[in-house]
Amino acid sequence: MNISEPTARPHCAQRLRQKKIKEYELSIIEQENERLKSRMLKNGAFVQSRTENVPTSLNTNERQRQREKTEHELTLQRLQKMLSRTRSSYSRRDFQEDYAKKQDIQRRMSRFSEPKK
């Protein structure tokens, strides 16, 4: 009885055909990518996306910030004065009459309310 290892068959273990097919597919994909990239470059599809941001300190514009703050405070004070000066166009007498009418209607309606079951 022979219990030695079977003979090595590299053509079965390596799967050369699948390897060649995979390399061929990858080469086609790379060629297509290069073709598309060259077309996009020719059409100007790529834009420089890096902006050169220069770091600036917030303390450099102290005067401007102070000026804007005072402008906001003045605007707020002006609006508060305008709001305090406004008067209602609805007189107190009209309000009291309307309130009395509504109370009378509610009183009359409650007299005829449905009995609770």
PDB file of N, CA and C in Angstrom:
ATOM      1  N   MET A   1       0.845  -1.164   0.000  1.00  0.00           N
ATOM      2  CA  MET A   1       0.000   0.000   0.000  1.00  0.00           C
ATOM      3  C   MET A   1       0.892   1.229   0.000  1.00  0.00           C
ATOM      4  N   ASN A   2       0.567   2.170  -0.836  1.00  0.00           N
ATOM      5  CA  ASN A   2       1.367   3.387  -1.010  1.00  0.00           C
ATOM      6  C   ASN A   2       0.699   4.525  -0.250  1.00  0.00           C
ATOM      7  N   ILE A   3       1.326   5.061   0.805  1.00  0.00           N
ATOM      8  CA  ILE A   3       0.751   6.169   1.573  1.00  0.00           C
ATOM      9  C   ILE A   3       1.585   7.445   1.432  1.00  0.00           C
ATOM     10  N   SER A   4       2.304   7.576   0.362  1.00  0.00           N
ATOM     11  CA  SER A   4       3.100   8.786   0.127  1.00  0.00           C
ATOM     12  C   SER A   4       2.197   9.903  -0.408  1.00  0.00           C
ATOM     13  N   GLU A   5       2.730  11.124  -0.369  1.00  0.00           N
ATOM     14  CA  GLU A   5       1.967  12.294  -0.856  1.00  0.00           C
ATOM     15  C   GLU A   5       1.720  12.155  -2.347  1.00  0.00           C
ATOM     16  N   PRO A   6       0.587  12.714  -2.794  1.00  0.00           N
ATOM     17  CA  PRO A   6       0.350  12.662  -4.236  1.00  0.00           C
ATOM     18  C   PRO A   6       1.328  13.580  -4.960  1.00  0.00           C
ATOM     19  N   THR A   7       1.509  13.315  -6.208  1.00  0.00           N
ATOM     20  CA  THR A   7       2.442  14.119  -7.000  1.00  0.00           C
ATOM     21  C   THR A   7       1.892  15.528  -7.162  1.00  0.00           C
ATOM     22  N   ALA A   8       2.798  16.485  -7.094  1.00  0.00           N
ATOM     23  CA  ALA A   8       2.397  17.898  -7.210  1.00  0.00           C
ATOM     24  C   ALA A   8       2.020  18.213  -8.643  1.00  0.00           C
ATOM     25  N   ARG A   9       0.908  18.908  -8.783  1.00  0.00           N
ATOM     26  CA  ARG A   9       0.456  19.330 -10.113  1.00  0.00           C
ATOM     27  C   ARG A   9       0.270  20.847 -10.063  1.00  0.00           C
ATOM     28  N   PRO A  10       1.308  21.609 -10.369  1.00  0.00           N
ATOM     29  CA  PRO A  10       1.243  23.064 -10.225  1.00  0.00           C
ATOM     30  C   PRO A  10       0.217  23.708 -11.143  1.00  0.00           C
ATOM     31  N   HIS A  11      -0.049  23.119 -12.278  1.00  0.00           N
ATOM     32  CA  HIS A  11      -1.024  23.716 -13.183  1.00  0.00           C
ATOM     33  C   HIS A  11      -2.419  23.722 -12.576  1.00  0.00           C
ATOM     34  N   CYS A  12      -2.696  22.828 -11.651  1.00  0.00           N
ATOM     35  CA  CYS A  12      -3.996  22.805 -10.976  1.00  0.00           C
ATOM     36  C   CYS A  12      -4.035  23.788  -9.809  1.00  0.00           C
ATOM     37  N   ALA A  13      -2.943  23.894  -9.087  1.00  0.00           N
ATOM     38  CA  ALA A  13      -2.908  24.748  -7.896  1.00  0.00           C
ATOM     39  C   ALA A  13      -2.824  26.222  -8.255  1.00  0.00           C
ATOM     40  N   GLN A  14      -2.150  26.572  -9.331  1.00  0.00           N
ATOM     41  CA  GLN A  14      -1.936  27.976  -9.656  1.00  0.00           C
ATOM     42  C   GLN A  14      -3.130  28.607 -10.373  1.00  0.00           C
ATOM     43  N   ARG A  15      -3.863  27.865 -11.074  1.00  0.00           N
ATOM     44  CA  ARG A  15      -5.016  28.368 -11.831  1.00  0.00           C
ATOM     45  C   ARG A  15      -4.595  29.521 -12.733  1.00  0.00           C
ATOM     46  N   LEU A  16      -3.728  29.209 -13.634  1.00  0.00           N
ATOM     47  CA  LEU A  16      -3.152  30.226 -14.513  1.00  0.00           C
ATOM     48  C   LEU A  16      -4.204  30.902 -15.382  1.00  0.00           C
ATOM     49  N   ARG A  17      -5.168  30.140 -15.815  1.00  0.00           N
ATOM     50  CA  ARG A  17      -6.180  30.723 -16.703  1.00  0.00           C
ATOM     51  C   ARG A  17      -6.974  31.811 -15.982  1.00  0.00           C
ATOM     52  N   GLN A  18      -7.424  31.560 -14.728  1.00  0.00           N
ATOM     53  CA  GLN A  18      -8.160  32.575 -13.970  1.00  0.00           C
ATOM     54  C   GLN A  18      -7.265  33.786 -13.697  1.00  0.00           C
ATOM     55  N   LYS A  19      -5.987  33.517 -13.439  1.00  0.00           N
ATOM     56  CA  LYS A  19      -5.049  34.610 -13.182  1.00  0.00           C
ATOM     57  C   LYS A  19      -4.897  35.496 -14.416  1.00  0.00           C
ATOM     58  N   LYS A  20      -4.795  34.886 -15.590  1.00  0.00           N
ATOM     59  CA  LYS A  20      -4.665  35.652 -16.828  1.00  0.00           C
ATOM     60  C   LYS A  20      -5.944  36.443 -17.114  1.00  0.00           C
ATOM     61  N   ILE A  21      -7.090  35.819 -16.864  1.00  0.00           N
ATOM     62  CA  ILE A  21      -8.364  36.526 -17.086  1.00  0.00           C
ATOM     63  C   ILE A  21      -8.465  37.738 -16.169  1.00  0.00           C
ATOM     64  N   LYS A  22      -8.074  37.566 -14.906  1.00  0.00           N
ATOM     65  CA  LYS A  22      -8.124  38.662 -13.937  1.00  0.00           C
ATOM     66  C   LYS A  22      -7.183  39.790 -14.351  1.00  0.00           C
ATOM     67  N   GLU A  23      -5.960  39.451 -14.783  1.00  0.00           N
ATOM     68  CA  GLU A  23      -5.008  40.468 -15.240  1.00  0.00           C
ATOM     69  C   GLU A  23      -5.537  41.199 -16.466  1.00  0.00           C
ATOM     70  N   TYR A  24      -6.169  40.467 -17.363  1.00  0.00           N
ATOM     71  CA  TYR A  24      -6.729  41.086 -18.567  1.00  0.00           C
ATOM     72  C   TYR A  24      -7.845  42.062 -18.205  1.00  0.00           C
ATOM     73  N   GLU A  25      -8.724  41.659 -17.282  1.00  0.00           N
ATOM     74  CA  GLU A  25      -9.812  42.548 -16.856  1.00  0.00           C
ATOM     75  C   GLU A  25      -9.266  43.802 -16.175  1.00  0.00           C
ATOM     76  N   LEU A  26      -8.265  43.624 -15.326  1.00  0.00           N
ATOM     77  CA  LEU A  26      -7.659  44.788 -14.659  1.00  0.00           C
ATOM     78  C   LEU A  26      -6.988  45.724 -15.654  1.00  0.00           C
ATOM     79  N   SER A  27      -6.326  45.159 -16.666  1.00  0.00           N
ATOM     80  CA  SER A  27      -5.682  46.015 -17.671  1.00  0.00           C
ATOM     81  C   SER A  27      -6.731  46.800 -18.465  1.00  0.00           C
ATOM     82  N   ILE A  28      -7.863  46.168 -18.773  1.00  0.00           N
ATOM     83  CA  ILE A  28      -8.937  46.872 -19.493  1.00  0.00           C
ATOM     84  C   ILE A  28      -9.483  48.008 -18.625  1.00  0.00           C
ATOM     85  N   ILE A  29      -9.680  47.751 -17.333  1.00  0.00           N
ATOM     86  CA  ILE A  29     -10.191  48.787 -16.423  1.00  0.00           C
ATOM     87  C   ILE A  29      -9.207  49.948 -16.334  1.00  0.00           C
ATOM     88  N   GLU A  30      -7.913  49.648 -16.226  1.00  0.00           N
ATOM     89  CA  GLU A  30      -6.906  50.708 -16.149  1.00  0.00           C
ATOM     90  C   GLU A  30      -6.868  51.523 -17.431  1.00  0.00           C
ATOM     91  N   GLN A  31      -6.966  50.862 -18.577  1.00  0.00           N
ATOM     92  CA  GLN A  31      -6.987  51.578 -19.860  1.00  0.00           C
ATOM     93  C   GLN A  31      -8.203  52.492 -19.948  1.00  0.00           C
ATOM     94  N   GLU A  32      -9.351  51.993 -19.519  1.00  0.00           N
ATOM     95  CA  GLU A  32     -10.575  52.802 -19.559  1.00  0.00           C
ATOM     96  C   GLU A  32     -10.455  53.996 -18.616  1.00  0.00           C
ATOM     97  N   ASN A  33      -9.892  53.771 -17.434  1.00  0.00           N
ATOM     98  CA  ASN A  33      -9.693  54.884 -16.491  1.00  0.00           C
ATOM     99  C   ASN A  33      -8.766  55.944 -17.063  1.00  0.00           C
ATOM    100  N   GLU A  34      -7.679  55.507 -17.686  1.00  0.00           N
ATOM    101  CA  GLU A  34      -6.746  56.466 -18.305  1.00  0.00           C
ATOM    102  C   GLU A  34      -7.428  57.245 -19.421  1.00  0.00           C
ATOM    103  N   ARG A  35      -8.227  56.549 -20.226  1.00  0.00           N
ATOM    104  CA  ARG A  35      -8.932  57.220 -21.333  1.00  0.00           C
ATOM    105  C   ARG A  35      -9.909  58.258 -20.796  1.00  0.00           C
ATOM    106  N   LEU A  36     -10.666  57.892 -19.759  1.00  0.00           N
ATOM    107  CA  LEU A  36     -11.616  58.835 -19.176  1.00  0.00           C
ATOM    108  C   LEU A  36     -10.903  60.011 -18.519  1.00  0.00           C
ATOM    109  N   LYS A  37      -9.801  59.727 -17.850  1.00  0.00           N
ATOM    110  CA  LYS A  37      -9.044  60.795 -17.195  1.00  0.00           C
ATOM    111  C   LYS A  37      -8.495  61.780 -18.215  1.00  0.00           C
ATOM    112  N   SER A  38      -7.985  61.266 -19.326  1.00  0.00           N
ATOM    113  CA  SER A  38      -7.452  62.171 -20.357  1.00  0.00           C
ATOM    114  C   SER A  38      -8.565  63.013 -20.967  1.00  0.00           C
ATOM    115  N   ARG A  39      -9.754  62.421 -21.154  1.00  0.00           N
ATOM    116  CA  ARG A  39     -10.881  63.191 -21.683  1.00  0.00           C
ATOM    117  C   ARG A  39     -11.321  64.272 -20.700  1.00  0.00           C
ATOM    118  N   MET A  40     -11.333  63.921 -19.400  1.00  0.00           N
ATOM    119  CA  MET A  40     -11.739  64.905 -18.394  1.00  0.00           C
ATOM    120  C   MET A  40     -10.730  66.034 -18.292  1.00  0.00           C
ATOM    121  N   LEU A  41      -9.458  65.713 -18.397  1.00  0.00           N
ATOM    122  CA  LEU A  41      -8.435  66.764 -18.361  1.00  0.00           C
ATOM    123  C   LEU A  41      -8.557  67.678 -19.573  1.00  0.00           C
ATOM    124  N   LYS A  42      -8.865  67.076 -20.714  1.00  0.00           N
ATOM    125  CA  LYS A  42      -9.011  67.864 -21.934  1.00  0.00           C
ATOM    126  C   LYS A  42     -10.224  68.797 -21.844  1.00  0.00           C
ATOM    127  N   ASN A  43     -11.297  68.335 -21.213  1.00  0.00           N
ATOM    128  CA  ASN A  43     -12.515  69.140 -21.086  1.00  0.00           C
ATOM    129  C   ASN A  43     -12.458  70.119 -19.928  1.00  0.00           C
ATOM    130  N   GLY A  44     -11.446  70.026 -19.096  1.00  0.00           N
ATOM    131  CA  GLY A  44     -11.313  70.943 -17.968  1.00  0.00           C
ATOM    132  C   GLY A  44     -12.234  70.594 -16.815  1.00  0.00           C
ATOM    133  N   ALA A  45     -12.429  69.296 -16.571  1.00  0.00           N
ATOM    134  CA  ALA A  45     -13.333  68.879 -15.504  1.00  0.00           C
ATOM    135  C   ALA A  45     -12.709  69.008 -14.132  1.00  0.00           C
ATOM    136  N   PHE A  46     -11.390  68.992 -14.051  1.00  0.00           N
ATOM    137  CA  PHE A  46     -10.731  69.084 -12.750  1.00  0.00           C
ATOM    138  C   PHE A  46     -10.481  70.532 -12.398  1.00  0.00           C
ATOM    139  N   VAL A  47     -10.853  70.877 -11.196  1.00  0.00           N
ATOM    140  CA  VAL A  47     -10.654  72.233 -10.689  1.00  0.00           C
ATOM    141  C   VAL A  47      -9.743  72.130  -9.482  1.00  0.00           C
ATOM    142  N   GLN A  48      -8.890  73.114  -9.358  1.00  0.00           N
ATOM    143  CA  GLN A  48      -7.997  73.092  -8.213  1.00  0.00           C
ATOM    144  C   GLN A  48      -8.824  73.309  -6.952  1.00  0.00           C
ATOM    145  N   SER A  49      -8.829  72.308  -6.110  1.00  0.00           N
ATOM    146  CA  SER A  49      -9.697  72.370  -4.948  1.00  0.00           C
ATOM    147  C   SER A  49      -8.984  72.886  -3.711  1.00  0.00           C
ATOM    148  N   ARG A  50      -7.693  72.975  -3.747  1.00  0.00           N
ATOM    149  CA  ARG A  50      -6.974  73.464  -2.572  1.00  0.00           C
ATOM    150  C   ARG A  50      -6.964  74.978  -2.561  1.00  0.00           C
ATOM    151  N   THR A  51      -7.452  75.511  -1.490  1.00  0.00           N
ATOM    152  CA  THR A  51      -7.401  76.962  -1.323  1.00  0.00           C
ATOM    153  C   THR A  51      -6.328  77.277  -0.302  1.00  0.00           C
ATOM    154  N   GLU A  52      -5.644  78.320  -0.552  1.00  0.00           N
ATOM    155  CA  GLU A  52      -4.575  78.689   0.360  1.00  0.00           C
ATOM    156  C   GLU A  52      -5.140  79.610   1.424  1.00  0.00           C
ATOM    157  N   ASN A  53      -5.498  79.020   2.539  1.00  0.00           N
ATOM    158  CA  ASN A  53      -6.061  79.781   3.642  1.00  0.00           C
ATOM    159  C   ASN A  53      -4.937  80.319   4.501  1.00  0.00           C
ATOM    160  N   VAL A  54      -4.945  81.601   4.662  1.00  0.00           N
ATOM    161  CA  VAL A  54      -3.959  82.220   5.529  1.00  0.00           C
ATOM    162  C   VAL A  54      -4.605  82.390   6.887  1.00  0.00           C
ATOM    163  N   PRO A  55      -4.033  81.794   7.924  1.00  0.00           N
ATOM    164  CA  PRO A  55      -4.652  81.927   9.241  1.00  0.00           C
ATOM    165  C   PRO A  55      -4.598  83.371   9.733  1.00  0.00           C
ATOM    166  N   THR A  56      -5.731  83.875  10.143  1.00  0.00           N
ATOM    167  CA  THR A  56      -5.799  85.243  10.647  1.00  0.00           C
ATOM    168  C   THR A  56      -6.306  85.214  12.075  1.00  0.00           C
ATOM    169  N   SER A  57      -5.846  86.129  12.834  1.00  0.00           N
ATOM    170  CA  SER A  57      -6.256  86.215  14.222  1.00  0.00           C
ATOM    171  C   SER A  57      -7.540  87.024  14.314  1.00  0.00           C
ATOM    172  N   LEU A  58      -8.400  86.640  15.238  1.00  0.00           N
ATOM    173  CA  LEU A  58      -9.645  87.379  15.430  1.00  0.00           C
ATOM    174  C   LEU A  58      -9.402  88.693  16.157  1.00  0.00           C
ATOM    175  N   ASN A  59      -8.272  88.830  16.774  1.00  0.00           N
ATOM    176  CA  ASN A  59      -7.980  90.044  17.530  1.00  0.00           C
ATOM    177  C   ASN A  59      -7.445  91.167  16.660  1.00  0.00           C
ATOM    178  N   THR A  60      -7.156  90.914  15.406  1.00  0.00           N
ATOM    179  CA  THR A  60      -6.593  91.957  14.558  1.00  0.00           C
ATOM    180  C   THR A  60      -7.626  93.021  14.212  1.00  0.00           C
ATOM    181  N   ASN A  61      -8.886  92.654  14.161  1.00  0.00           N
ATOM    182  CA  ASN A  61      -9.937  93.601  13.784  1.00  0.00           C
ATOM    183  C   ASN A  61     -10.714  94.057  15.013  1.00  0.00           C
ATOM    184  N   GLU A  62     -10.017  94.358  16.064  1.00  0.00           N
ATOM    185  CA  GLU A  62     -10.662  94.743  17.327  1.00  0.00           C
ATOM    186  C   GLU A  62     -11.496  96.011  17.163  1.00  0.00           C
ATOM    187  N   ARG A  63     -10.958  96.981  16.455  1.00  0.00           N
ATOM    188  CA  ARG A  63     -11.699  98.240  16.254  1.00  0.00           C
ATOM    189  C   ARG A  63     -12.975  98.006  15.468  1.00  0.00           C
ATOM    190  N   GLN A  64     -12.873  97.205  14.425  1.00  0.00           N
ATOM    191  CA  GLN A  64     -14.056  96.927  13.600  1.00  0.00           C
ATOM    192  C   GLN A  64     -15.109  96.179  14.413  1.00  0.00           C
ATOM    193  N   ARG A  65     -14.687  95.202  15.199  1.00  0.00           N
ATOM    194  CA  ARG A  65     -15.643  94.472  16.021  1.00  0.00           C
ATOM    195  C   ARG A  65     -16.294  95.381  17.050  1.00  0.00           C
ATOM    196  N   GLN A  66     -15.520  96.273  17.624  1.00  0.00           N
ATOM    197  CA  GLN A  66     -16.071  97.210  18.610  1.00  0.00           C
ATOM    198  C   GLN A  66     -17.083  98.143  17.949  1.00  0.00           C
ATOM    199  N   ARG A  67     -16.766  98.608  16.744  1.00  0.00           N
ATOM    200  CA  ARG A  67     -17.666  99.494  16.006  1.00  0.00           C
ATOM    201  C   ARG A  67     -18.975  98.777  15.675  1.00  0.00           C
ATOM    202  N   GLU A  68     -18.883  97.513  15.224  1.00  0.00           N
ATOM    203  CA  GLU A  68     -20.093  96.740  14.919  1.00  0.00           C
ATOM    204  C   GLU A  68     -20.921  96.491  16.175  1.00  0.00           C
ATOM    205  N   LYS A  69     -20.256  96.261  17.284  1.00  0.00           N
ATOM    206  CA  LYS A  69     -20.960  96.042  18.537  1.00  0.00           C
ATOM    207  C   LYS A  69     -21.752  97.278  18.941  1.00  0.00           C
ATOM    208  N   THR A  70     -21.135  98.454  18.827  1.00  0.00           N
ATOM    209  CA  THR A  70     -21.852  99.682  19.188  1.00  0.00           C
ATOM    210  C   THR A  70     -23.009  99.935  18.226  1.00  0.00           C
ATOM    211  N   GLU A  71     -22.808  99.613  16.937  1.00  0.00           N
ATOM    212  CA  GLU A  71     -23.898  99.773  15.966  1.00  0.00           C
ATOM    213  C   GLU A  71     -25.072  98.866  16.336  1.00  0.00           C
ATOM    214  N   HIS A  72     -24.779  97.630  16.714  1.00  0.00           N
ATOM    215  CA  HIS A  72     -25.851  96.712  17.104  1.00  0.00           C
ATOM    216  C   HIS A  72     -26.570  97.212  18.358  1.00  0.00           C
ATOM    217  N   GLU A  73     -25.813  97.712  19.303  1.00  0.00           N
ATOM    218  CA  GLU A  73     -26.431  98.213  20.534  1.00  0.00           C
ATOM    219  C   GLU A  73     -27.325  99.415  20.241  1.00  0.00           C
ATOM    220  N   LEU A  74     -26.853 100.323  19.370  1.00  0.00           N
ATOM    221  CA  LEU A  74     -27.671 101.488  19.011  1.00  0.00           C
ATOM    222  C   LEU A  74     -28.945 101.060  18.282  1.00  0.00           C
ATOM    223  N   THR A  75     -28.815 100.099  17.391  1.00  0.00           N
ATOM    224  CA  THR A  75     -29.989  99.604  16.665  1.00  0.00           C
ATOM    225  C   THR A  75     -30.982  98.969  17.632  1.00  0.00           C
ATOM    226  N   LEU A  76     -30.480  98.195  18.576  1.00  0.00           N
ATOM    227  CA  LEU A  76     -31.346  97.567  19.561  1.00  0.00           C
ATOM    228  C   LEU A  76     -32.069  98.613  20.411  1.00  0.00           C
ATOM    229  N   GLN A  77     -31.361  99.640  20.839  1.00  0.00           N
ATOM    230  CA  GLN A  77     -31.991 100.706  21.628  1.00  0.00           C
ATOM    231  C   GLN A  77     -33.059 101.430  20.817  1.00  0.00           C
ATOM    232  N   ARG A  78     -32.763 101.692  19.538  1.00  0.00           N
ATOM    233  CA  ARG A  78     -33.735 102.378  18.675  1.00  0.00           C
ATOM    234  C   ARG A  78     -34.997 101.536  18.511  1.00  0.00           C
ATOM    235  N   LEU A  79     -34.821 100.229  18.307  1.00  0.00           N
ATOM    236  CA  LEU A  79     -35.984  99.356  18.154  1.00  0.00           C
ATOM    237  C   LEU A  79     -36.784  99.253  19.445  1.00  0.00           C
ATOM    238  N   GLN A  80     -36.099  99.241  20.591  1.00  0.00           N
ATOM    239  CA  GLN A  80     -36.808  99.195  21.865  1.00  0.00           C
ATOM    240  C   GLN A  80     -37.635 100.457  22.083  1.00  0.00           C
ATOM    241  N   LYS A  81     -37.090 101.604  21.702  1.00  0.00           N
ATOM    242  CA  LYS A  81     -37.851 102.861  21.822  1.00  0.00           C
ATOM    243  C   LYS A  81     -39.076 102.827  20.919  1.00  0.00           C
ATOM    244  N   MET A  82     -38.881 102.333  19.696  1.00  0.00           N
ATOM    245  CA  MET A  82     -40.017 102.264  18.761  1.00  0.00           C
ATOM    246  C   MET A  82     -41.108 101.350  19.312  1.00  0.00           C
ATOM    247  N   LEU A  83     -40.715 100.227  19.888  1.00  0.00           N
ATOM    248  CA  LEU A  83     -41.707  99.302  20.439  1.00  0.00           C
ATOM    249  C   LEU A  83     -42.418  99.890  21.652  1.00  0.00           C
ATOM    250  N   SER A  84     -41.690 100.630  22.460  1.00  0.00           N
ATOM    251  CA  SER A  84     -42.323 101.198  23.649  1.00  0.00           C
ATOM    252  C   SER A  84     -43.283 102.338  23.287  1.00  0.00           C
ATOM    253  N   ARG A  85     -43.072 102.984  22.165  1.00  0.00           N
ATOM    254  CA  ARG A  85     -43.931 104.093  21.747  1.00  0.00           C
ATOM    255  C   ARG A  85     -45.205 103.635  21.055  1.00  0.00           C
ATOM    256  N   THR A  86     -45.227 102.416  20.588  1.00  0.00           N
ATOM    257  CA  THR A  86     -46.393 101.962  19.830  1.00  0.00           C
ATOM    258  C   THR A  86     -47.595 101.820  20.753  1.00  0.00           C
ATOM    259  N   ARG A  87     -48.745 102.153  20.223  1.00  0.00           N
ATOM    260  CA  ARG A  87     -50.005 102.057  20.959  1.00  0.00           C
ATOM    261  C   ARG A  87     -50.958 101.180  20.160  1.00  0.00           C
ATOM    262  N   SER A  88     -51.806 100.511  20.878  1.00  0.00           N
ATOM    263  CA  SER A  88     -52.757  99.630  20.237  1.00  0.00           C
ATOM    264  C   SER A  88     -53.849 100.455  19.555  1.00  0.00           C
ATOM    265  N   SER A  89     -54.307  99.980  18.408  1.00  0.00           N
ATOM    266  CA  SER A  89     -55.399 100.658  17.715  1.00  0.00           C
ATOM    267  C   SER A  89     -56.756 100.143  18.209  1.00  0.00           C
ATOM    268  N   TYR A  90     -56.731  99.164  19.102  1.00  0.00           N
ATOM    269  CA  TYR A  90     -57.938  98.545  19.645  1.00  0.00           C
ATOM    270  C   TYR A  90     -58.196  99.195  21.000  1.00  0.00           C
ATOM    271  N   SER A  91     -59.243  99.999  21.069  1.00  0.00           N
ATOM    272  CA  SER A  91     -59.479 100.759  22.291  1.00  0.00           C
ATOM    273  C   SER A  91     -59.926  99.855  23.434  1.00  0.00           C
ATOM    274  N   ARG A  92     -59.750 100.361  24.633  1.00  0.00           N
ATOM    275  CA  ARG A  92     -60.094  99.595  25.824  1.00  0.00           C
ATOM    276  C   ARG A  92     -61.600  99.373  25.915  1.00  0.00           C
ATOM    277  N   ARG A  93     -62.359 100.380  25.538  1.00  0.00           N
ATOM    278  CA  ARG A  93     -63.816 100.268  25.595  1.00  0.00           C
ATOM    279  C   ARG A  93     -64.303  99.178  24.638  1.00  0.00           C
ATOM    280  N   ASP A  94     -63.744  99.143  23.401  1.00  0.00           N
ATOM    281  CA  ASP A  94     -64.131  98.103  22.442  1.00  0.00           C
ATOM    282  C   ASP A  94     -63.788  96.711  22.976  1.00  0.00           C
ATOM    283  N   PHE A  95     -62.627  96.593  23.595  1.00  0.00           N
ATOM    284  CA  PHE A  95     -62.213  95.309  24.145  1.00  0.00           C
ATOM    285  C   PHE A  95     -63.177  94.843  25.236  1.00  0.00           C
ATOM    286  N   GLN A  96     -63.561  95.764  26.117  1.00  0.00           N
ATOM    287  CA  GLN A  96     -64.473  95.399  27.199  1.00  0.00           C
ATOM    288  C   GLN A  96     -65.846  95.016  26.656  1.00  0.00           C
ATOM    289  N   GLU A  97     -66.321  95.737  25.623  1.00  0.00           N
ATOM    290  CA  GLU A  97     -67.615  95.401  25.035  1.00  0.00           C
ATOM    291  C   GLU A  97     -67.583  94.021  24.371  1.00  0.00           C
ATOM    292  N   ASP A  98     -66.504  93.740  23.631  1.00  0.00           N
ATOM    293  CA  ASP A  98     -66.386  92.429  22.981  1.00  0.00           C
ATOM    294  C   ASP A  98     -66.303  91.308  24.013  1.00  0.00           C
ATOM    295  N   TYR A  99     -65.577  91.545  25.081  1.00  0.00           N
ATOM    296  CA  TYR A  99     -65.439  90.537  26.132  1.00  0.00           C
ATOM    297  C   TYR A  99     -66.799  90.268  26.789  1.00  0.00           C
ATOM    298  N   ALA A 100     -67.553  91.324  27.025  1.00  0.00           N
ATOM    299  CA  ALA A 100     -68.878  91.154  27.635  1.00  0.00           C
ATOM    300  C   ALA A 100     -69.799  90.376  26.705  1.00  0.00           C
ATOM    301  N   LYS A 101     -69.732  90.643  25.394  1.00  0.00           N
ATOM    302  CA  LYS A 101     -70.556  89.917  24.431  1.00  0.00           C
ATOM    303  C   LYS A 101     -70.206  88.428  24.435  1.00  0.00           C
ATOM    304  N   LYS A 102     -68.925  88.119  24.442  1.00  0.00           N
ATOM    305  CA  LYS A 102     -68.500  86.712  24.433  1.00  0.00           C
ATOM    306  C   LYS A 102     -68.938  86.000  25.709  1.00  0.00           C
ATOM    307  N   GLN A 103     -68.840  86.700  26.840  1.00  0.00           N
ATOM    308  CA  GLN A 103     -69.268  86.094  28.098  1.00  0.00           C
ATOM    309  C   GLN A 103     -70.771  85.814  28.085  1.00  0.00           C
ATOM    310  N   ASP A 104     -71.533  86.737  27.509  1.00  0.00           N
ATOM    311  CA  ASP A 104     -72.981  86.560  27.428  1.00  0.00           C
ATOM    312  C   ASP A 104     -73.324  85.364  26.539  1.00  0.00           C
ATOM    313  N   ILE A 105     -72.626  85.252  25.392  1.00  0.00           N
ATOM    314  CA  ILE A 105     -72.873  84.124  24.482  1.00  0.00           C
ATOM    315  C   ILE A 105     -72.522  82.807  25.167  1.00  0.00           C
ATOM    316  N   GLN A 106     -71.393  82.775  25.860  1.00  0.00           N
ATOM    317  CA  GLN A 106     -71.007  81.547  26.571  1.00  0.00           C
ATOM    318  C   GLN A 106     -72.030  81.171  27.639  1.00  0.00           C
ATOM    319  N   ARG A 107     -72.528  82.160  28.354  1.00  0.00           N
ATOM    320  CA  ARG A 107     -73.516  81.902  29.405  1.00  0.00           C
ATOM    321  C   ARG A 107     -74.789  81.327  28.794  1.00  0.00           C
ATOM    322  N   ARG A 108     -75.254  81.903  27.665  1.00  0.00           N
ATOM    323  CA  ARG A 108     -76.466  81.415  27.019  1.00  0.00           C
ATOM    324  C   ARG A 108     -76.279  80.016  26.435  1.00  0.00           C
ATOM    325  N   MET A 109     -75.088  79.743  25.880  1.00  0.00           N
ATOM    326  CA  MET A 109     -74.834  78.424  25.294  1.00  0.00           C
ATOM    327  C   MET A 109     -74.750  77.347  26.373  1.00  0.00           C
ATOM    328  N   SER A 110     -74.182  77.673  27.497  1.00  0.00           N
ATOM    329  CA  SER A 110     -74.037  76.674  28.555  1.00  0.00           C
ATOM    330  C   SER A 110     -75.387  76.303  29.148  1.00  0.00           C
ATOM    331  N   ARG A 111     -76.382  77.161  29.031  1.00  0.00           N
ATOM    332  CA  ARG A 111     -77.706  76.858  29.548  1.00  0.00           C
ATOM    333  C   ARG A 111     -78.363  75.721  28.783  1.00  0.00           C
ATOM    334  N   PHE A 112     -78.011  75.595  27.448  1.00  0.00           N
ATOM    335  CA  PHE A 112     -78.617  74.575  26.618  1.00  0.00           C
ATOM    336  C   PHE A 112     -77.649  73.424  26.306  1.00  0.00           C
ATOM    337  N   SER A 113     -76.694  73.216  27.140  1.00  0.00           N
ATOM    338  CA  SER A 113     -75.731  72.141  26.884  1.00  0.00           C
ATOM    339  C   SER A 113     -76.428  70.789  27.011  1.00  0.00           C
ATOM    340  N   GLU A 114     -75.889  69.795  26.307  1.00  0.00           N
ATOM    341  CA  GLU A 114     -76.478  68.461  26.306  1.00  0.00           C
ATOM    342  C   GLU A 114     -76.243  67.813  27.672  1.00  0.00           C
ATOM    343  N   PRO A 115     -77.218  67.039  28.108  1.00  0.00           N
ATOM    344  CA  PRO A 115     -77.016  66.331  29.391  1.00  0.00           C
ATOM    345  C   PRO A 115     -75.963  65.256  29.223  1.00  0.00           C
ATOM    346  N   LYS A 116     -75.145  65.075  30.243  1.00  0.00           N
ATOM    347  CA  LYS A 116     -74.088  64.054  30.190  1.00  0.00           C
ATOM    348  C   LYS A 116     -74.697  62.689  30.467  1.00  0.00           C
ATOM    349  N   LYS A 117     -74.258  61.719  29.735  1.00  0.00           N
ATOM    350  CA  LYS A 117     -74.814  60.349  29.884  1.00  0.00           C
ATOM    351  C   LYS A 117     -73.954  59.516  30.789  1.00  0.00           C
TER     352      LYS A 117
END
